[in-house]
Protein backbone atom coordinates (compact mmCIF):
# COMPACT_ATOMS: atom_id res chain seq x y z
CA MET A 1 0.00 0.00 0.00
CA ILE A 2 1.38 3.38 -0.98
CA LEU A 3 0.37 6.52 0.92
CA GLU A 4 0.71 9.91 -0.57
CA VAL A 5 2.63 12.36 1.62
CA THR A 6 1.90 16.03 1.08
CA HIS A 7 4.59 18.58 1.74
CA LYS A 8 3.64 21.94 3.16
CA PRO A 9 5.70 24.84 1.90
CA LEU A 10 8.31 25.87 4.46
CA SER A 11 6.87 29.40 4.64
CA ARG A 12 3.53 28.06 5.92
CA THR A 13 5.31 26.47 8.88
CA VAL A 14 8.10 28.89 9.71
CA LEU A 15 6.20 32.20 9.47
CA PRO A 16 3.52 31.37 12.08
CA ALA A 17 6.16 30.00 14.43
CA ALA A 18 8.31 33.13 14.02
CA ALA A 19 5.31 35.40 14.56
CA THR A 20 4.37 33.52 17.73
CA ALA A 21 7.93 33.73 19.05
CA LEU A 22 8.08 37.45 18.25
CA ALA A 23 4.78 38.12 20.05
CA ALA A 24 5.95 36.13 23.08
CA GLY A 25 9.24 38.07 23.15
CA ALA A 26 7.43 41.42 22.98
CA GLY A 27 5.09 40.37 25.79
CA LEU A 28 8.04 39.29 27.91
CA ALA A 29 9.81 42.62 27.25
CA PHE A 30 6.76 44.61 28.42
CA PHE A 31 6.47 42.42 31.52
CA VAL A 32 10.14 42.90 32.43
CA ALA A 33 9.88 46.67 31.80
CA ALA A 34 6.90 46.85 34.15
CA LEU A 35 8.88 45.06 36.86
CA VAL A 36 11.95 47.27 36.46
CA ARG A 37 10.10 50.62 36.27
CA PRO A 38 10.19 52.44 39.59
CA PRO A 39 6.84 52.97 41.24
CA ALA A 40 5.02 56.23 40.62
CA LEU A 41 5.70 58.90 43.21
CA PRO A 42 2.76 60.20 45.22
CA VAL A 43 1.40 63.59 44.24
CA ASP A 44 0.19 65.89 47.00
CA THR A 45 0.00 69.52 45.92
CA ASN A 46 -1.70 70.81 49.06
CA PRO A 47 0.69 73.41 50.49
CA ALA A 48 2.58 72.09 53.52
CA PRO A 49 5.21 73.66 55.79
CA LEU A 50 8.80 73.16 54.68
CA ALA A 51 9.93 72.25 58.21
CA GLY A 52 11.31 68.72 58.27
CA HIS A 53 11.93 68.56 54.50
CA THR A 54 15.25 69.12 52.72
CA PRO A 55 14.69 69.67 48.99
CA CYS A 56 17.63 68.88 46.72
CA ALA A 57 15.88 69.33 43.37
CA ALA A 58 13.19 72.01 43.37
CA VAL A 59 12.05 75.33 41.99
CA VAL A 60 11.87 78.09 44.60
CA LEU A 61 9.76 81.21 44.27
CA VAL A 62 10.45 84.06 46.73
CA PHE A 63 7.71 86.65 47.26
CA PRO A 64 7.79 90.03 48.99
CA ALA A 65 4.72 89.31 51.16
CA GLY A 66 3.26 86.27 52.92
CA GLU A 67 -0.16 86.70 51.27
CA ASP A 68 1.43 86.37 47.83
CA THR A 69 3.27 83.26 49.00
CA TRP A 70 0.13 81.42 50.11
CA ALA A 71 -1.87 82.53 47.05
CA ALA A 72 0.86 81.20 44.76
CA ALA A 73 1.20 77.97 46.78
CA ARG A 74 -2.52 77.26 46.44
CA SER A 75 -2.38 77.91 42.68
CA PHE A 76 -0.15 74.87 42.17
CA ARG A 77 -2.90 72.39 43.07
CA ASP A 78 -3.76 71.95 39.39
CA ASP A 79 -0.26 72.27 37.93
CA PRO A 80 0.60 68.95 36.22
CA LYS A 81 4.33 69.49 36.81
CA ALA A 82 4.01 69.97 40.59
CA ARG A 83 4.36 66.90 42.81
CA ARG A 84 4.78 68.51 46.25
CA VAL A 85 4.37 72.13 47.42
CA PHE A 86 6.14 73.39 50.53
CA VAL A 87 5.85 76.87 52.04
CA ASP A 88 8.40 78.67 54.14
CA PRO A 89 7.40 82.36 54.10
CA PRO A 90 8.12 84.15 51.95
CA SER A 91 9.09 81.18 49.74
CA VAL A 92 7.33 78.39 47.87
CA PHE A 93 9.36 75.23 47.21
CA LEU A 94 8.08 73.08 44.34
CA LEU A 95 9.10 69.46 43.86
CA ALA A 96 8.39 68.33 40.32
CA VAL A 97 7.04 65.12 38.88
CA PRO A 98 9.87 62.98 37.44
CA GLY A 99 10.92 64.03 33.97
CA THR A 100 10.22 67.74 34.44
CA ASP A 101 12.93 70.11 33.21
CA LEU A 102 13.38 72.29 36.30
CA LYS A 103 15.13 75.14 34.48
CA ALA A 104 12.42 75.38 31.81
CA TRP A 105 9.72 75.21 34.47
CA ALA A 106 11.45 77.97 36.46
CA ARG A 107 11.48 80.22 33.36
CA GLU A 108 7.78 79.51 32.82
CA LEU A 109 6.98 80.30 36.47
CA HIS A 110 9.06 83.48 36.36
CA SER A 111 6.91 84.81 33.52
CA ARG A 112 3.68 83.61 35.19
CA TYR A 113 4.35 85.01 38.70
CA ARG A 114 5.49 88.58 38.12
CA THR A 115 5.20 89.45 41.82
CA ALA A 116 7.92 86.93 42.69
CA GLU A 117 11.15 88.66 43.65
CA ARG A 118 13.19 85.64 42.61
CA VAL A 119 12.69 82.25 40.94
CA THR A 120 15.58 79.83 41.36
CA VAL A 121 16.35 76.17 40.85
CA ILE A 122 17.83 73.98 43.56
CA ASP A 123 19.83 71.23 41.91
CA ALA A 124 22.27 69.68 44.37
CA ASP A 125 23.76 67.29 41.81
CA ALA A 126 24.59 70.09 39.35
CA ALA A 127 25.99 72.28 42.12
CA ALA A 128 28.24 69.46 43.36
CA ALA A 129 29.50 68.83 39.81
CA GLN A 130 30.30 72.53 39.29
CA LEU A 131 32.15 72.80 42.60
CA LYS A 132 34.16 69.63 41.84
CA LEU A 133 33.87 68.55 45.45
CA THR A 134 36.25 65.84 46.63
CA ALA A 135 33.45 64.32 48.68
CA PRO A 136 30.19 65.15 46.92
CA PRO A 137 26.95 65.23 48.86
CA PRO A 138 24.70 62.19 48.60
CA LYS A 139 22.92 61.92 45.24
CA CYS A 140 19.52 63.58 45.22
CA PRO A 141 16.82 60.89 45.16
CA ARG A 142 14.17 61.03 42.43
CA GLU A 143 11.70 62.27 45.07
CA GLY A 144 13.58 65.60 45.03
CA GLU A 145 14.33 65.67 48.75
CA TYR A 146 16.71 63.95 51.14
């Protein structure tokens, strides 16, 4: 008895297997990326006293009067770049969400808050690099405060 054997073209076998392997690899890559990604930082833009906090990466606005300070601090509740807002009259310290360019944000805030006497950026890492310290301060955590 002779049986006829049909041969499938190689492309009909290899292409589905390659596509399945590629999809599995992409799924594994997304899974690993989700495990490696640091957790999101909490956002609390309700103004709080600065006491007990040491910002190392922040934008600081200095106002001539306390009323201006609190009015500005409250205005950051809806700012998508603000993560934490601290007040130490006559100053407002703003910690940003990760990925925010502090210098660009400071320029934006300087044009938005004309009553501010000064708008500066605290960047401990950049300051340590410029000073070429032999024993640099501890690296600023991504939270923006020690």
